[in-house]
Amino acid sequence: MTAPERTLSSGDRFALMFMMIAGAGLALGAIVSAVVRIVDVLTADSVEVLAEFVGTPALAPIGVDGAGVTVALETAVLTVADLPVASLWSIVIQQVLMVATVVIVLTCLLLLSRSVLRDRVFSRTNTRLVTTAGLTALLGAAAYPFFGNMAANGAFAALSDGTFDNVLMSVDVSSLLMLGFIAALASTVFTVGARLQRETEGLV
């Protein structure tokens, strides 16, 4: 009886196992980073918030001998001592969503990689894993900046006592469309592959 031919070479298996280990490390790093950020936000006297600006001029010391030159300010880190409670919780929710997104996506990919290592590339389970990873990444990419913008708008209100109007809800639509296209393409490929494999197995 002839042993079944392996789908992956030894080098491919080593590379895939290395990526699985790196993915697990990435998930752990994301969790640690989020915990540190949440603890800092809830316990520190002041909170740093990344903010985006719209049509806001600012002076930068880039002229002769450090002279101020007017530039268009796009992003800056705001340090706020009295950040509104809603903004504080927006940061907490943002970090929790980030961790949830990373963990779910990497878990799906790790399970997919384990299945591939067992020479099972196309299956209904793998199709569900790819689809879940794609949808989770898409939702996470949309939700993360949304809560970040809520925190930034609260910081603007706290620093200016509500007199500076810079309300901005920015989402990189092009990146979301590209991510959605990749997720849909991957799901379609695995769906077709799983169907072809079932049909091939039915002919054996």
N, C-alpha and C. Protein backbone atom coordinates (compact mmCIF):
# COMPACT_ATOMS: atom_id res chain seq x y z
N MET A 1 0.84 -1.20 0.00
CA MET A 1 0.00 0.00 0.00
C MET A 1 0.88 1.25 0.00
N THR A 2 0.64 2.17 -0.90
CA THR A 2 1.45 3.37 -1.04
C THR A 2 0.99 4.45 -0.07
N ALA A 3 1.94 5.09 0.59
CA ALA A 3 1.60 6.16 1.53
C ALA A 3 1.03 7.34 0.77
N PRO A 4 0.04 8.04 1.32
CA PRO A 4 -0.55 9.19 0.64
C PRO A 4 0.46 10.29 0.42
N GLU A 5 0.39 10.93 -0.73
CA GLU A 5 1.32 12.02 -1.05
C GLU A 5 0.97 13.25 -0.24
N ARG A 6 2.00 13.87 0.33
CA ARG A 6 1.78 15.05 1.15
C ARG A 6 1.59 16.28 0.27
N THR A 7 0.69 17.15 0.71
CA THR A 7 0.42 18.38 -0.04
C THR A 7 1.57 19.36 0.10
N LEU A 8 2.16 19.46 1.29
CA LEU A 8 3.22 20.42 1.56
C LEU A 8 4.57 19.74 1.67
N SER A 9 5.59 20.47 1.25
CA SER A 9 6.95 19.98 1.42
C SER A 9 7.40 20.24 2.86
N SER A 10 8.55 19.68 3.22
CA SER A 10 9.07 19.88 4.59
C SER A 10 9.35 21.36 4.83
N GLY A 11 9.88 22.05 3.80
CA GLY A 11 10.15 23.48 3.95
C GLY A 11 8.87 24.28 4.16
N ASP A 12 7.82 23.92 3.40
CA ASP A 12 6.54 24.61 3.55
C ASP A 12 5.97 24.41 4.95
N ARG A 13 6.11 23.19 5.46
CA ARG A 13 5.60 22.91 6.80
C ARG A 13 6.36 23.70 7.86
N PHE A 14 7.67 23.78 7.70
CA PHE A 14 8.47 24.54 8.65
C PHE A 14 8.07 26.02 8.63
N ALA A 15 7.90 26.57 7.41
CA ALA A 15 7.51 27.97 7.28
C ALA A 15 6.13 28.22 7.89
N LEU A 16 5.21 27.29 7.67
CA LEU A 16 3.86 27.44 8.20
C LEU A 16 3.86 27.37 9.72
N MET A 17 4.64 26.45 10.28
CA MET A 17 4.72 26.35 11.74
C MET A 17 5.37 27.59 12.34
N PHE A 18 6.36 28.15 11.63
CA PHE A 18 6.99 29.39 12.10
C PHE A 18 5.98 30.53 12.12
N MET A 19 5.14 30.60 11.07
CA MET A 19 4.13 31.65 11.01
C MET A 19 3.08 31.46 12.10
N MET A 20 2.78 30.23 12.45
CA MET A 20 1.83 29.98 13.54
C MET A 20 2.38 30.47 14.86
N ILE A 21 3.66 30.22 15.09
CA ILE A 21 4.30 30.69 16.33
C ILE A 21 4.33 32.22 16.36
N ALA A 22 4.67 32.82 15.20
CA ALA A 22 4.70 34.29 15.12
C ALA A 22 3.32 34.88 15.35
N GLY A 23 2.28 34.21 14.81
CA GLY A 23 0.92 34.68 15.01
C GLY A 23 0.51 34.64 16.47
N ALA A 24 0.87 33.56 17.17
CA ALA A 24 0.57 33.46 18.59
C ALA A 24 1.28 34.56 19.37
N GLY A 25 2.53 34.85 18.98
CA GLY A 25 3.26 35.94 19.63
C GLY A 25 2.63 37.29 19.37
N LEU A 26 2.12 37.49 18.15
CA LEU A 26 1.45 38.74 17.81
C LEU A 26 0.19 38.93 18.63
N ALA A 27 -0.57 37.86 18.82
CA ALA A 27 -1.78 37.95 19.63
C ALA A 27 -1.44 38.31 21.08
N LEU A 28 -0.39 37.67 21.62
CA LEU A 28 0.02 37.96 22.99
C LEU A 28 0.48 39.41 23.11
N GLY A 29 1.23 39.90 22.12
CA GLY A 29 1.69 41.28 22.14
C GLY A 29 0.53 42.26 22.10
N ALA A 30 -0.50 41.95 21.30
CA ALA A 30 -1.67 42.82 21.21
C ALA A 30 -2.40 42.88 22.55
N ILE A 31 -2.51 41.75 23.21
CA ILE A 31 -3.19 41.71 24.51
C ILE A 31 -2.43 42.54 25.54
N VAL A 32 -1.11 42.36 25.60
CA VAL A 32 -0.30 43.11 26.56
C VAL A 32 -0.38 44.61 26.29
N SER A 33 -0.28 44.99 25.00
CA SER A 33 -0.36 46.41 24.64
C SER A 33 -1.70 47.02 25.03
N ALA A 34 -2.79 46.28 24.81
CA ALA A 34 -4.11 46.79 25.15
C ALA A 34 -4.28 46.94 26.66
N VAL A 35 -3.79 45.97 27.42
CA VAL A 35 -3.90 46.03 28.88
C VAL A 35 -3.13 47.23 29.42
N VAL A 36 -1.92 47.44 28.91
CA VAL A 36 -1.12 48.59 29.34
C VAL A 36 -1.83 49.90 29.02
N ARG A 37 -2.40 49.99 27.84
CA ARG A 37 -3.11 51.20 27.43
C ARG A 37 -4.33 51.46 28.30
N ILE A 38 -5.10 50.41 28.57
CA ILE A 38 -6.31 50.56 29.39
C ILE A 38 -5.95 50.98 30.81
N VAL A 39 -4.94 50.34 31.39
CA VAL A 39 -4.51 50.70 32.75
C VAL A 39 -4.04 52.15 32.80
N ASP A 40 -3.30 52.57 31.77
CA ASP A 40 -2.80 53.94 31.73
C ASP A 40 -3.96 54.93 31.62
N VAL A 41 -4.93 54.61 30.78
CA VAL A 41 -6.07 55.51 30.58
C VAL A 41 -6.89 55.66 31.86
N LEU A 42 -7.07 54.56 32.58
CA LEU A 42 -7.95 54.59 33.77
C LEU A 42 -7.25 55.06 35.03
N THR A 43 -5.92 55.09 35.04
CA THR A 43 -5.21 55.42 36.28
C THR A 43 -4.34 56.67 36.19
N ALA A 44 -3.90 57.06 35.00
CA ALA A 44 -2.99 58.19 34.86
C ALA A 44 -3.71 59.52 35.09
N ASP A 45 -2.93 60.54 35.48
CA ASP A 45 -3.49 61.86 35.72
C ASP A 45 -3.90 62.54 34.41
N SER A 46 -3.20 62.22 33.33
CA SER A 46 -3.53 62.76 32.02
C SER A 46 -3.47 61.65 30.99
N VAL A 47 -4.20 61.82 29.91
CA VAL A 47 -4.32 60.79 28.88
C VAL A 47 -3.87 61.35 27.55
N GLU A 48 -3.07 60.57 26.84
CA GLU A 48 -2.65 60.96 25.49
C GLU A 48 -3.63 60.38 24.47
N VAL A 49 -4.10 61.24 23.59
CA VAL A 49 -5.10 60.84 22.60
C VAL A 49 -4.62 61.26 21.22
N LEU A 50 -4.61 60.31 20.30
CA LEU A 50 -4.27 60.64 18.91
C LEU A 50 -5.47 61.30 18.25
N ALA A 51 -5.25 62.48 17.67
CA ALA A 51 -6.36 63.24 17.07
C ALA A 51 -6.04 63.60 15.64
N GLU A 52 -7.08 63.66 14.82
CA GLU A 52 -6.96 64.11 13.43
C GLU A 52 -7.58 65.49 13.31
N PHE A 53 -6.97 66.31 12.47
CA PHE A 53 -7.43 67.68 12.29
C PHE A 53 -7.92 67.89 10.86
N VAL A 54 -8.81 68.86 10.70
CA VAL A 54 -9.34 69.21 9.38
C VAL A 54 -9.08 70.68 9.11
N GLY A 55 -8.23 70.96 8.14
CA GLY A 55 -7.97 72.35 7.75
C GLY A 55 -7.50 73.21 8.89
N THR A 56 -6.61 72.69 9.75
CA THR A 56 -6.15 73.44 10.92
C THR A 56 -4.70 73.86 10.72
N PRO A 57 -4.42 75.18 10.69
CA PRO A 57 -3.04 75.65 10.56
C PRO A 57 -2.31 75.55 11.90
N ALA A 58 -1.01 75.35 11.84
CA ALA A 58 -0.19 75.30 13.05
C ALA A 58 1.20 75.80 12.71
N LEU A 59 1.91 76.30 13.73
CA LEU A 59 3.28 76.78 13.54
C LEU A 59 4.26 75.67 13.87
N ALA A 60 5.18 75.42 12.92
CA ALA A 60 6.21 74.42 13.14
C ALA A 60 7.58 75.11 13.07
N PRO A 61 8.50 74.79 13.98
CA PRO A 61 9.82 75.48 14.01
C PRO A 61 10.76 74.93 12.94
N ILE A 62 10.39 75.12 11.68
CA ILE A 62 11.20 74.56 10.59
C ILE A 62 11.77 75.66 9.70
N GLY A 63 11.60 76.91 10.11
CA GLY A 63 12.14 78.02 9.33
C GLY A 63 13.59 78.29 9.68
N VAL A 64 14.10 79.41 9.22
CA VAL A 64 15.49 79.80 9.50
C VAL A 64 15.70 79.97 10.99
N ASP A 65 16.73 79.31 11.51
CA ASP A 65 17.06 79.35 12.94
C ASP A 65 15.88 78.95 13.81
N GLY A 66 15.05 78.03 13.31
CA GLY A 66 13.93 77.53 14.10
C GLY A 66 12.72 78.43 14.09
N ALA A 67 12.64 79.32 13.13
CA ALA A 67 11.49 80.23 13.06
C ALA A 67 10.23 79.43 12.72
N GLY A 68 9.11 79.91 13.22
CA GLY A 68 7.86 79.22 12.99
C GLY A 68 7.36 79.38 11.56
N VAL A 69 6.90 78.29 10.99
CA VAL A 69 6.34 78.28 9.65
C VAL A 69 4.96 77.65 9.73
N THR A 70 3.99 78.25 9.09
CA THR A 70 2.62 77.72 9.12
C THR A 70 2.52 76.47 8.27
N VAL A 71 2.01 75.43 8.87
CA VAL A 71 1.83 74.15 8.17
C VAL A 71 0.39 73.70 8.38
N ALA A 72 -0.04 72.74 7.56
CA ALA A 72 -1.37 72.16 7.70
C ALA A 72 -1.29 70.98 8.66
N LEU A 73 -1.95 71.10 9.80
CA LEU A 73 -1.91 70.06 10.82
C LEU A 73 -2.92 68.96 10.48
N GLU A 74 -2.44 67.73 10.41
CA GLU A 74 -3.32 66.59 10.09
C GLU A 74 -3.52 65.68 11.29
N THR A 75 -2.45 65.35 12.01
CA THR A 75 -2.57 64.50 13.21
C THR A 75 -1.68 65.05 14.30
N ALA A 76 -2.08 64.80 15.54
CA ALA A 76 -1.29 65.22 16.70
C ALA A 76 -1.72 64.40 17.90
N VAL A 77 -0.84 64.32 18.88
CA VAL A 77 -1.16 63.64 20.13
C VAL A 77 -1.53 64.70 21.16
N LEU A 78 -2.76 64.63 21.66
CA LEU A 78 -3.25 65.58 22.65
C LEU A 78 -3.11 64.97 24.05
N THR A 79 -2.59 65.76 24.97
CA THR A 79 -2.49 65.32 26.36
C THR A 79 -3.57 66.04 27.16
N VAL A 80 -4.51 65.27 27.69
CA VAL A 80 -5.69 65.84 28.34
C VAL A 80 -5.77 65.36 29.78
N ALA A 81 -5.95 66.31 30.69
CA ALA A 81 -6.02 65.96 32.11
C ALA A 81 -7.43 65.53 32.52
N ASP A 82 -8.43 66.15 31.94
CA ASP A 82 -9.82 65.86 32.31
C ASP A 82 -10.60 65.37 31.09
N LEU A 83 -10.26 64.20 30.64
CA LEU A 83 -10.95 63.62 29.49
C LEU A 83 -12.34 63.16 29.92
N PRO A 84 -13.39 63.47 29.16
CA PRO A 84 -14.74 63.04 29.52
C PRO A 84 -14.83 61.53 29.68
N VAL A 85 -15.73 61.10 30.57
CA VAL A 85 -15.87 59.67 30.84
C VAL A 85 -16.21 58.90 29.57
N ALA A 86 -17.06 59.49 28.72
CA ALA A 86 -17.44 58.81 27.48
C ALA A 86 -16.22 58.57 26.60
N SER A 87 -15.30 59.53 26.58
CA SER A 87 -14.09 59.37 25.77
C SER A 87 -13.15 58.33 26.38
N LEU A 88 -13.08 58.31 27.71
CA LEU A 88 -12.27 57.29 28.36
C LEU A 88 -12.75 55.89 28.00
N TRP A 89 -14.06 55.69 28.07
CA TRP A 89 -14.61 54.38 27.75
C TRP A 89 -14.53 54.08 26.27
N SER A 90 -14.49 55.12 25.44
CA SER A 90 -14.29 54.90 24.01
C SER A 90 -12.91 54.28 23.76
N ILE A 91 -11.91 54.78 24.50
CA ILE A 91 -10.56 54.22 24.36
C ILE A 91 -10.53 52.78 24.86
N VAL A 92 -11.19 52.52 25.99
CA VAL A 92 -11.22 51.16 26.53
C VAL A 92 -11.89 50.21 25.53
N ILE A 93 -13.05 50.64 25.02
CA ILE A 93 -13.76 49.80 24.04
C ILE A 93 -12.91 49.59 22.79
N GLN A 94 -12.22 50.64 22.37
CA GLN A 94 -11.35 50.54 21.19
C GLN A 94 -10.28 49.47 21.39
N GLN A 95 -9.67 49.47 22.56
CA GLN A 95 -8.62 48.49 22.83
C GLN A 95 -9.18 47.07 22.93
N VAL A 96 -10.35 46.94 23.56
CA VAL A 96 -10.97 45.62 23.67
C VAL A 96 -11.33 45.09 22.29
N LEU A 97 -11.87 45.95 21.45
CA LEU A 97 -12.22 45.54 20.08
C LEU A 97 -10.98 45.15 19.30
N MET A 98 -9.89 45.90 19.50
CA MET A 98 -8.65 45.59 18.81
C MET A 98 -8.15 44.20 19.19
N VAL A 99 -8.17 43.91 20.50
CA VAL A 99 -7.72 42.59 20.96
C VAL A 99 -8.64 41.50 20.44
N ALA A 100 -9.94 41.73 20.50
CA ALA A 100 -10.90 40.73 20.03
C ALA A 100 -10.70 40.45 18.55
N THR A 101 -10.48 41.51 17.77
CA THR A 101 -10.27 41.34 16.33
C THR A 101 -9.01 40.53 16.05
N VAL A 102 -7.92 40.91 16.71
CA VAL A 102 -6.64 40.22 16.49
C VAL A 102 -6.74 38.76 16.91
N VAL A 103 -7.32 38.51 18.07
CA VAL A 103 -7.40 37.14 18.59
C VAL A 103 -8.28 36.26 17.70
N ILE A 104 -9.44 36.79 17.29
CA ILE A 104 -10.35 35.99 16.45
C ILE A 104 -9.71 35.69 15.10
N VAL A 105 -9.14 36.72 14.47
CA VAL A 105 -8.52 36.52 13.16
C VAL A 105 -7.37 35.53 13.24
N LEU A 106 -6.49 35.72 14.23
CA LEU A 106 -5.34 34.83 14.35
C LEU A 106 -5.75 33.42 14.74
N THR A 107 -6.78 33.29 15.59
CA THR A 107 -7.26 31.95 15.94
C THR A 107 -7.77 31.22 14.71
N CYS A 108 -8.54 31.92 13.88
CA CYS A 108 -9.04 31.31 12.64
C CYS A 108 -7.89 30.89 11.74
N LEU A 109 -6.88 31.76 11.61
CA LEU A 109 -5.75 31.45 10.75
C LEU A 109 -4.90 30.33 11.31
N LEU A 110 -4.77 30.27 12.64
CA LEU A 110 -4.02 29.17 13.26
C LEU A 110 -4.73 27.84 13.05
N LEU A 111 -6.04 27.83 13.21
CA LEU A 111 -6.81 26.61 12.97
C LEU A 111 -6.73 26.20 11.49
N LEU A 112 -6.76 27.20 10.62
CA LEU A 112 -6.62 26.92 9.18
C LEU A 112 -5.24 26.34 8.88
N SER A 113 -4.21 26.92 9.49
CA SER A 113 -2.85 26.42 9.28
C SER A 113 -2.70 25.00 9.80
N ARG A 114 -3.31 24.70 10.94
CA ARG A 114 -3.24 23.34 11.48
C ARG A 114 -3.90 22.36 10.52
N SER A 115 -5.01 22.77 9.92
CA SER A 115 -5.70 21.90 8.97
C SER A 115 -4.84 21.67 7.72
N VAL A 116 -4.17 22.73 7.27
CA VAL A 116 -3.30 22.59 6.10
C VAL A 116 -2.13 21.67 6.41
N LEU A 117 -1.59 21.77 7.62
CA LEU A 117 -0.49 20.88 8.01
C LEU A 117 -0.92 19.42 8.00
N ARG A 118 -2.21 19.20 8.18
CA ARG A 118 -2.75 17.84 8.12
C ARG A 118 -3.20 17.47 6.71
N ASP A 119 -2.73 18.28 5.74
CA ASP A 119 -3.02 18.02 4.32
C ASP A 119 -4.51 18.12 3.99
N ARG A 120 -5.20 18.99 4.71
CA ARG A 120 -6.61 19.24 4.42
C ARG A 120 -6.76 20.73 4.16
N VAL A 121 -6.65 21.11 2.89
CA VAL A 121 -6.66 22.53 2.55
C VAL A 121 -8.09 23.04 2.38
N PHE A 122 -8.86 22.37 1.53
CA PHE A 122 -10.21 22.82 1.22
C PHE A 122 -11.24 21.96 1.94
N SER A 123 -12.06 22.62 2.73
CA SER A 123 -13.15 21.95 3.43
C SER A 123 -14.15 23.01 3.86
N ARG A 124 -15.33 22.57 4.28
CA ARG A 124 -16.34 23.54 4.74
C ARG A 124 -15.86 24.25 5.99
N THR A 125 -15.16 23.52 6.85
CA THR A 125 -14.65 24.14 8.07
C THR A 125 -13.64 25.23 7.75
N ASN A 126 -12.73 24.94 6.83
CA ASN A 126 -11.73 25.94 6.45
C ASN A 126 -12.38 27.14 5.77
N THR A 127 -13.42 26.90 4.98
CA THR A 127 -14.14 28.01 4.35
C THR A 127 -14.76 28.91 5.41
N ARG A 128 -15.35 28.31 6.43
CA ARG A 128 -15.94 29.11 7.52
C ARG A 128 -14.86 29.89 8.27
N LEU A 129 -13.70 29.27 8.46
CA LEU A 129 -12.61 29.95 9.16
C LEU A 129 -12.14 31.17 8.37
N VAL A 130 -11.97 31.01 7.06
CA VAL A 130 -11.53 32.11 6.21
C VAL A 130 -12.58 33.23 6.19
N THR A 131 -13.84 32.85 6.08
CA THR A 131 -14.92 33.84 6.05
C THR A 131 -15.00 34.61 7.36
N THR A 132 -14.91 33.88 8.47
CA THR A 132 -14.97 34.52 9.79
C THR A 132 -13.80 35.47 9.98
N ALA A 133 -12.61 35.05 9.59
CA ALA A 133 -11.43 35.91 9.72
C ALA A 133 -11.58 37.17 8.88
N GLY A 134 -12.08 37.04 7.66
CA GLY A 134 -12.25 38.19 6.79
C GLY A 134 -13.28 39.18 7.31
N LEU A 135 -14.44 38.68 7.73
CA LEU A 135 -15.48 39.56 8.24
C LEU A 135 -15.05 40.25 9.53
N THR A 136 -14.37 39.51 10.41
CA THR A 136 -13.90 40.09 11.67
C THR A 136 -12.89 41.19 11.42
N ALA A 137 -11.96 40.94 10.51
CA ALA A 137 -10.95 41.96 10.17
C ALA A 137 -11.62 43.20 9.59
N LEU A 138 -12.63 43.02 8.75
CA LEU A 138 -13.33 44.14 8.14
C LEU A 138 -14.06 44.98 9.19
N LEU A 139 -14.79 44.30 10.08
CA LEU A 139 -15.52 45.02 11.13
C LEU A 139 -14.56 45.71 12.10
N GLY A 140 -13.48 45.03 12.43
CA GLY A 140 -12.50 45.64 13.34
C GLY A 140 -11.84 46.86 12.73
N ALA A 141 -11.53 46.80 11.43
CA ALA A 141 -10.90 47.94 10.76
C ALA A 141 -11.83 49.14 10.70
N ALA A 142 -13.14 48.91 10.70
CA ALA A 142 -14.11 50.01 10.69
C ALA A 142 -14.36 50.54 12.09
N ALA A 143 -14.42 49.65 13.09
CA ALA A 143 -14.77 50.06 14.45
C ALA A 143 -13.62 50.74 15.17
N TYR A 144 -12.38 50.32 14.92
CA TYR A 144 -11.24 50.86 15.66
C TYR A 144 -11.12 52.38 15.50
N PRO A 145 -11.07 52.90 14.27
CA PRO A 145 -10.98 54.36 14.14
C PRO A 145 -12.23 55.10 14.61
N PHE A 146 -13.38 54.44 14.55
CA PHE A 146 -14.62 55.09 15.00
C PHE A 146 -14.53 55.46 16.47
N PHE A 147 -14.11 54.52 17.31
CA PHE A 147 -14.00 54.81 18.75
C PHE A 147 -12.81 55.72 19.03
N GLY A 148 -11.76 55.64 18.21
CA GLY A 148 -10.65 56.56 18.37
C GLY A 148 -11.07 57.99 18.09
N ASN A 149 -11.91 58.18 17.08
CA ASN A 149 -12.41 59.51 16.77
C ASN A 149 -13.31 60.05 17.88
N MET A 150 -14.11 59.16 18.50
CA MET A 150 -14.94 59.59 19.62
C MET A 150 -14.09 60.10 20.78
N ALA A 151 -12.99 59.39 21.05
CA ALA A 151 -12.09 59.83 22.12
C ALA A 151 -11.44 61.15 21.77
N ALA A 152 -11.02 61.32 20.52
CA ALA A 152 -10.38 62.56 20.10
C ALA A 152 -11.34 63.74 20.18
N ASN A 153 -12.57 63.55 19.78
CA ASN A 153 -13.54 64.65 19.84
C ASN A 153 -13.82 65.06 21.29
N GLY A 154 -13.80 64.08 22.20
CA GLY A 154 -13.93 64.41 23.61
C GLY A 154 -12.73 65.20 24.12
N ALA A 155 -11.54 64.86 23.61
CA ALA A 155 -10.34 65.60 24.00
C ALA A 155 -10.39 67.03 23.50
N PHE A 156 -10.85 67.23 22.25
CA PHE A 156 -11.01 68.58 21.72
C PHE A 156 -11.97 69.39 22.60
N ALA A 157 -13.07 68.78 22.97
CA ALA A 157 -14.07 69.48 23.77
C ALA A 157 -13.52 69.84 25.15
N ALA A 158 -12.74 68.94 25.74
CA ALA A 158 -12.18 69.19 27.06
C ALA A 158 -11.14 70.30 27.03
N LEU A 159 -10.29 70.31 26.00
CA LEU A 159 -9.23 71.31 25.93
C LEU A 159 -9.75 72.69 25.57
N SER A 160 -10.78 72.75 24.73
CA SER A 160 -11.27 74.05 24.25
C SER A 160 -12.56 74.48 24.92
N ASP A 161 -13.05 73.68 25.87
CA ASP A 161 -14.33 73.95 26.53
C ASP A 161 -15.44 74.03 25.50
N GLY A 162 -15.32 73.20 24.47
CA GLY A 162 -16.36 73.11 23.47
C GLY A 162 -16.34 74.20 22.41
N THR A 163 -15.27 75.03 22.40
CA THR A 163 -15.23 76.16 21.45
C THR A 163 -14.49 75.81 20.16
N PHE A 164 -13.76 74.70 20.13
CA PHE A 164 -13.03 74.31 18.92
C PHE A 164 -13.81 73.22 18.21
N ASP A 165 -14.26 73.52 17.01
CA ASP A 165 -15.09 72.58 16.26
C ASP A 165 -14.21 71.79 15.29
N ASN A 166 -13.94 70.55 15.64
CA ASN A 166 -13.12 69.71 14.77
C ASN A 166 -13.71 68.29 14.73
N VAL A 167 -15.04 68.21 14.80
CA VAL A 167 -15.69 66.91 14.82
C VAL A 167 -15.38 66.17 13.53
N LEU A 168 -14.81 65.00 13.66
CA LEU A 168 -14.38 64.23 12.50
C LEU A 168 -14.63 62.76 12.74
N MET A 169 -15.32 62.13 11.82
CA MET A 169 -15.52 60.70 11.86
C MET A 169 -14.94 60.11 10.57
N SER A 170 -13.64 59.87 10.60
CA SER A 170 -12.96 59.45 9.38
C SER A 170 -12.75 57.94 9.36
N VAL A 171 -13.07 57.36 8.22
CA VAL A 171 -12.81 55.94 7.99
C VAL A 171 -12.17 55.84 6.60
N ASP A 172 -11.07 55.12 6.51
CA ASP A 172 -10.40 54.96 5.23
C ASP A 172 -11.21 53.98 4.38
N VAL A 173 -12.09 54.57 3.56
CA VAL A 173 -13.01 53.75 2.76
C VAL A 173 -12.26 52.87 1.78
N SER A 174 -11.20 53.40 1.18
CA SER A 174 -10.45 52.61 0.19
C SER A 174 -9.83 51.37 0.83
N SER A 175 -9.31 51.53 2.05
CA SER A 175 -8.72 50.37 2.74
C SER A 175 -9.80 49.35 3.10
N LEU A 176 -10.97 49.85 3.52
CA LEU A 176 -12.07 48.94 3.85
C LEU A 176 -12.54 48.18 2.61
N LEU A 177 -12.64 48.88 1.49
CA LEU A 177 -13.05 48.23 0.25
C LEU A 177 -12.03 47.17 -0.17
N MET A 178 -10.75 47.50 -0.06
CA MET A 178 -9.71 46.54 -0.42
C MET A 178 -9.75 45.32 0.49
N LEU A 179 -9.91 45.57 1.80
CA LEU A 179 -9.98 44.47 2.76
C LEU A 179 -11.21 43.61 2.50
N GLY A 180 -12.35 44.27 2.21
CA GLY A 180 -13.56 43.52 1.91
C GLY A 180 -13.42 42.69 0.65
N PHE A 181 -12.74 43.24 -0.37
CA PHE A 181 -12.52 42.50 -1.61
C PHE A 181 -11.64 41.27 -1.36
N ILE A 182 -10.56 41.45 -0.58
CA ILE A 182 -9.67 40.33 -0.28
C ILE A 182 -10.41 39.25 0.50
N ALA A 183 -11.22 39.67 1.49
CA ALA A 183 -11.98 38.70 2.29
C ALA A 183 -12.97 37.93 1.43
N ALA A 184 -13.67 38.65 0.55
CA ALA A 184 -14.65 37.99 -0.33
C ALA A 184 -13.95 37.05 -1.30
N LEU A 185 -12.80 37.47 -1.83
CA LEU A 185 -12.06 36.63 -2.76
C LEU A 185 -11.57 35.35 -2.09
N ALA A 186 -11.01 35.50 -0.89
CA ALA A 186 -10.51 34.32 -0.17
C ALA A 186 -11.64 33.36 0.15
N SER A 187 -12.78 33.90 0.59
CA SER A 187 -13.93 33.06 0.91
C SER A 187 -14.43 32.33 -0.33
N THR A 188 -14.46 33.04 -1.47
CA THR A 188 -14.91 32.42 -2.72
C THR A 188 -13.97 31.31 -3.16
N VAL A 189 -12.67 31.57 -3.05
CA VAL A 189 -11.68 30.56 -3.45
C VAL A 189 -11.83 29.29 -2.62
N PHE A 190 -11.99 29.45 -1.31
CA PHE A 190 -12.11 28.27 -0.46
C PHE A 190 -13.45 27.57 -0.67
N THR A 191 -14.49 28.35 -0.97
CA THR A 191 -15.79 27.73 -1.24
C THR A 191 -15.73 26.87 -2.50
N VAL A 192 -15.16 27.44 -3.56
CA VAL A 192 -15.03 26.69 -4.82
C VAL A 192 -14.09 25.50 -4.64
N GLY A 193 -12.99 25.71 -3.94
CA GLY A 193 -12.05 24.63 -3.71
C GLY A 193 -12.66 23.48 -2.93
N ALA A 194 -13.45 23.81 -1.91
CA ALA A 194 -14.10 22.76 -1.12
C ALA A 194 -15.10 21.99 -1.96
N ARG A 195 -15.84 22.69 -2.82
CA ARG A 195 -16.81 22.01 -3.68
C ARG A 195 -16.12 21.09 -4.68
N LEU A 196 -15.03 21.57 -5.28
CA LEU A 196 -14.29 20.75 -6.24
C LEU A 196 -13.69 19.52 -5.57
N GLN A 197 -13.21 19.72 -4.34
CA GLN A 197 -12.63 18.58 -3.63
C GLN A 197 -13.69 17.53 -3.31
N ARG A 198 -14.89 17.97 -2.90
CA ARG A 198 -15.97 17.02 -2.61
C ARG A 198 -16.36 16.27 -3.89
N GLU A 199 -16.40 17.00 -5.01
CA GLU A 199 -16.76 16.35 -6.26
C GLU A 199 -15.69 15.35 -6.69
N THR A 200 -14.42 15.73 -6.46
CA THR A 200 -13.32 14.81 -6.82
C THR A 200 -13.35 13.58 -5.95
N GLU A 201 -13.58 13.77 -4.64
CA GLU A 201 -13.64 12.62 -3.74
C GLU A 201 -14.81 11.72 -4.09
N GLY A 202 -15.89 12.32 -4.62
CA GLY A 202 -17.05 11.52 -5.00
C GLY A 202 -16.79 10.65 -6.21
N LEU A 203 -15.78 11.02 -7.01
CA LEU A 203 -15.46 10.25 -8.20
C LEU A 203 -14.49 9.11 -7.91
N VAL A 204 -13.86 9.16 -6.74
CA VAL A 204 -12.88 8.11 -6.40
C VAL A 204 -13.59 6.84 -5.97
